[in-house]
Protein backbone atom coordinates (compact mmCIF):
# COMPACT_ATOMS: atom_id res chain seq x y z
CA MET A 1 0.00 0.00 0.00
CA SER A 2 1.35 3.42 -0.95
CA ASP A 3 1.88 6.01 1.76
CA PRO A 4 -1.30 8.14 1.64
CA ILE A 5 0.47 11.49 2.02
CA ALA A 6 3.30 10.80 -0.43
CA HIS A 7 0.96 9.33 -3.04
CA THR A 8 -1.59 12.16 -2.70
CA THR A 9 1.19 14.77 -2.92
CA ALA A 10 2.47 13.17 -6.14
CA THR A 11 -1.07 13.27 -7.51
CA TYR A 12 -1.36 16.99 -6.79
CA ASP A 13 1.97 17.62 -8.47
CA ARG A 14 0.55 16.00 -11.62
CA ILE A 15 -2.89 17.64 -11.56
CA ALA A 16 -1.95 21.11 -10.23
CA SER A 17 -2.68 23.00 -13.46
CA TYR A 18 -5.94 21.12 -14.03
CA TYR A 19 -7.03 21.82 -10.46
CA ASP A 20 -6.21 25.50 -10.81
CA GLU A 21 -8.23 25.81 -14.01
CA ARG A 22 -11.29 24.06 -12.58
CA PHE A 23 -11.65 25.67 -9.16
CA THR A 24 -11.76 29.42 -9.69
CA ASP A 25 -14.81 30.69 -7.78
CA PRO A 26 -15.61 29.30 -4.32
CA PRO A 27 -19.16 28.08 -3.52
CA PRO A 28 -21.25 30.65 -1.59
CA ALA A 29 -20.98 28.86 1.77
CA PHE A 30 -17.21 28.61 1.36
CA ALA A 31 -16.91 32.31 0.48
CA ALA A 32 -19.10 33.31 3.43
CA PHE A 33 -16.99 31.27 5.84
CA ARG A 34 -13.79 32.73 4.41
CA GLU A 35 -15.19 36.19 5.14
CA ARG A 36 -16.17 35.14 8.67
CA PHE A 37 -12.63 33.91 9.33
CA ALA A 38 -10.99 37.05 7.92
CA SER A 39 -13.33 39.29 9.93
CA ALA A 40 -12.26 37.55 13.14
CA LEU A 41 -8.66 38.75 12.66
CA PRO A 42 -7.11 42.21 13.11
CA ALA A 43 -5.77 44.14 10.14
CA GLY A 44 -2.35 42.91 9.09
CA ALA A 45 -2.68 39.64 10.99
CA ARG A 46 -0.16 36.96 10.02
CA ILE A 47 -1.92 33.82 8.87
CA ALA A 48 -0.80 30.45 7.57
CA ASP A 49 -2.83 28.80 4.80
CA LEU A 50 -2.07 25.12 5.43
CA GLY A 51 -2.56 23.04 2.31
CA CYS A 52 -2.79 26.25 0.31
CA GLY A 53 -2.99 24.55 -3.09
CA PRO A 54 -2.65 27.04 -5.94
CA GLY A 55 -2.88 29.98 -3.53
CA ARG A 56 -6.20 31.53 -4.49
CA GLU A 57 -7.36 31.86 -0.88
CA ALA A 58 -3.99 33.13 0.35
CA ALA A 59 -4.04 35.74 -2.42
CA TRP A 60 -7.55 36.77 -1.36
CA PHE A 61 -6.38 37.17 2.24
CA LYS A 62 -3.48 39.30 1.04
CA GLU A 63 -5.88 41.56 -0.87
CA ARG A 64 -7.96 41.80 2.30
CA GLY A 65 -4.97 43.32 4.15
CA LEU A 66 -3.81 40.21 5.98
CA ALA A 67 -0.28 38.78 5.81
CA PRO A 68 -0.56 35.18 4.57
CA VAL A 69 2.06 32.51 4.09
CA GLY A 70 1.06 29.48 2.05
CA VAL A 71 2.21 26.01 3.06
CA ASP A 72 1.86 23.03 0.74
CA LEU A 73 3.69 19.75 0.28
CA SER A 74 3.08 19.70 -3.48
CA ILE A 75 5.78 21.47 -5.47
CA GLY A 76 3.33 21.97 -8.34
CA MET A 77 0.78 23.66 -6.09
CA ALA A 78 3.39 25.73 -4.22
CA LYS A 79 4.72 27.10 -7.52
CA LEU A 80 1.23 28.23 -8.53
CA ALA A 81 0.72 29.92 -5.15
CA ALA A 82 4.07 31.70 -5.38
CA GLY A 83 3.11 32.84 -8.87
CA ARG A 84 0.16 34.66 -7.32
CA GLY A 85 2.52 36.73 -5.21
CA VAL A 86 1.94 34.72 -2.05
CA PRO A 87 4.93 33.95 0.21
CA THR A 88 4.97 30.17 0.02
CA VAL A 89 6.79 27.45 1.94
CA LEU A 90 7.11 23.83 0.85
CA GLY A 91 5.99 21.92 3.93
CA ASP A 92 3.73 19.32 5.50
CA LEU A 93 0.55 20.63 7.12
CA ARG A 94 0.79 17.87 9.75
CA TYR A 95 3.83 19.63 11.22
CA PRO A 96 3.90 23.06 9.58
CA PRO A 97 7.28 24.80 9.31
CA LEU A 98 6.24 27.62 11.65
CA PRO A 99 7.83 28.76 14.92
CA PRO A 100 5.75 28.33 18.09
CA ALA A 101 3.06 30.97 18.62
CA SER A 102 4.11 32.73 15.42
CA VAL A 103 0.80 33.24 13.59
CA ASP A 104 -2.46 34.98 14.42
CA GLY A 105 -4.56 32.66 12.29
CA ILE A 106 -4.54 29.31 10.53
CA TRP A 107 -6.72 28.66 7.52
CA SER A 108 -7.03 25.13 6.17
CA ALA A 109 -9.63 24.38 3.52
CA ALA A 110 -10.14 20.90 2.06
CA ALA A 111 -6.69 19.76 3.22
CA LEU A 112 -7.16 17.96 6.55
CA LEU A 113 -9.35 15.54 4.60
CA HIS A 114 -6.17 14.06 3.12
CA VAL A 115 -4.63 13.37 6.55
CA PRO A 116 -5.18 9.80 7.80
CA SER A 117 -7.64 9.71 10.69
CA GLU A 118 -5.13 8.40 13.25
CA GLN A 119 -3.00 11.50 12.61
CA THR A 120 -5.82 13.96 13.33
CA GLU A 121 -4.92 14.89 16.91
CA PRO A 122 -1.14 15.18 16.37
CA THR A 123 -1.88 17.48 13.42
CA LEU A 124 -4.27 19.66 15.42
CA ARG A 125 -1.75 19.88 18.27
CA ALA A 126 0.91 21.09 15.83
CA TRP A 127 -1.51 23.74 14.56
CA HIS A 128 -2.27 24.85 18.10
CA ALA A 129 1.45 25.17 18.82
CA ALA A 130 1.94 27.46 15.82
CA LEU A 131 -0.91 29.79 16.86
CA ARG A 132 -0.50 32.52 19.41
CA PRO A 133 -2.90 32.24 22.38
CA GLY A 134 -6.25 33.52 21.16
CA GLY A 135 -5.30 32.90 17.54
CA VAL A 136 -8.04 31.88 15.13
CA LEU A 137 -8.48 28.60 13.25
CA GLY A 138 -10.67 28.42 10.16
CA LEU A 139 -11.10 24.79 9.11
CA ILE A 140 -13.06 23.25 6.24
CA THR A 141 -13.09 19.48 5.93
CA ALA A 142 -15.37 16.68 4.77
CA LEU A 143 -17.97 14.82 6.83
CA GLY A 144 -18.85 11.15 6.60
CA GLU A 145 -17.56 7.74 7.56
CA SER A 146 -15.33 6.56 4.71
CA GLU A 147 -11.53 6.68 4.46
CA GLY A 148 -9.51 5.52 1.49
CA TRP A 149 -8.44 6.11 -2.10
CA GLU A 150 -10.62 8.06 -4.52
CA PRO A 151 -9.90 8.74 -8.21
CA VAL A 152 -9.62 12.37 -9.27
CA PRO A 153 -12.92 12.97 -11.13
CA TYR A 154 -11.36 14.96 -13.98
CA ARG A 155 -8.16 12.87 -14.20
CA THR A 156 -9.27 9.38 -13.21
CA GLU A 157 -5.84 7.83 -13.78
CA TYR A 158 -4.75 9.52 -10.53
CA GLU A 159 -6.06 9.01 -7.00
CA ARG A 160 -6.04 10.80 -3.66
CA TRP A 161 -6.52 9.68 -0.06
CA PHE A 162 -9.76 11.05 1.42
CA VAL A 163 -10.92 11.00 5.03
CA HIS A 164 -14.54 11.83 5.82
CA ARG A 165 -14.80 12.62 9.52
CA ASP A 166 -17.57 12.41 12.09
CA PRO A 167 -18.40 15.96 13.29
CA GLY A 168 -18.70 15.06 16.97
CA THR A 169 -15.38 13.22 16.93
CA LEU A 170 -13.66 16.14 15.20
CA LEU A 171 -15.10 18.70 17.64
CA ALA A 172 -13.93 16.55 20.57
CA ALA A 173 -10.45 16.32 19.04
CA LEU A 174 -10.29 20.10 18.62
CA ASP A 175 -11.22 20.56 22.28
CA ALA A 176 -8.65 17.99 23.39
CA CYS A 177 -5.97 19.78 21.36
CA GLY A 178 -6.57 23.17 22.96
CA PHE A 179 -9.16 24.81 20.72
CA GLU A 180 -12.34 26.57 21.78
CA VAL A 181 -14.90 26.14 18.99
CA SER A 182 -17.01 29.27 18.61
CA TRP A 183 -19.02 28.36 15.51
CA HIS A 184 -19.56 25.53 13.06
CA GLU A 185 -21.89 24.54 10.25
CA SER A 186 -22.26 21.87 7.58
CA ASN A 187 -23.20 22.35 3.93
CA ALA A 188 -23.34 20.12 0.90
CA THR A 189 -21.98 20.24 -2.64
CA HIS A 190 -20.58 17.00 -4.10
CA ARG A 191 -19.49 16.28 -0.50
CA THR A 192 -20.80 17.28 2.89
CA TRP A 193 -18.50 19.96 4.26
CA PHE A 194 -17.89 21.05 7.83
CA ASN A 195 -16.79 24.61 8.55
CA VAL A 196 -15.32 25.29 11.99
CA LEU A 197 -14.19 28.54 13.56
CA ALA A 198 -12.15 28.15 16.74
CA THR A 199 -9.63 29.97 18.92
CA ALA A 200 -6.48 28.62 20.53
CA ARG A 201 -6.60 28.46 24.29
CA GLY A 202 -3.46 29.64 26.06
């Protein structure tokens, strides 16, 4: 069995340009949550976009007056993000290359869903460590019960590891890892999504 993270990263390297061409405008619920997250931060706040992909969201945050850094393990995706004028670091969102308490916010949209379920809490603890006390987490991930390989719909010769999480289990993990959840909602497109806004306890 291939390593889920390494295999999924290689897939994103191969499909980066296709992904960037297909996903240009966020769904309304996604855009509204992005605005909610940005509004929870002070002007000029330093944020990390973990699993930034081609950098569209990080670029939007930059236009909004925030100071984003994109983090992605895919070289193909990181190059696209850097091309949008976003400071970008090649790194693993499970242990982001960020000093302790160095960012005011963490944004992670449709990225935790590639992290194997048994690595959920260690990943969230690493995120908490990177946030200053009171820092804001904006998380979008997928709900459900399945975990495993899925073909890329528009390039079916490639596959990605997907984890669909139980909302109660995820909220409990966030609490255990030092986050105070202030708001959450679910919405559906081709998947059922879970949007969570939380703050890091000191």
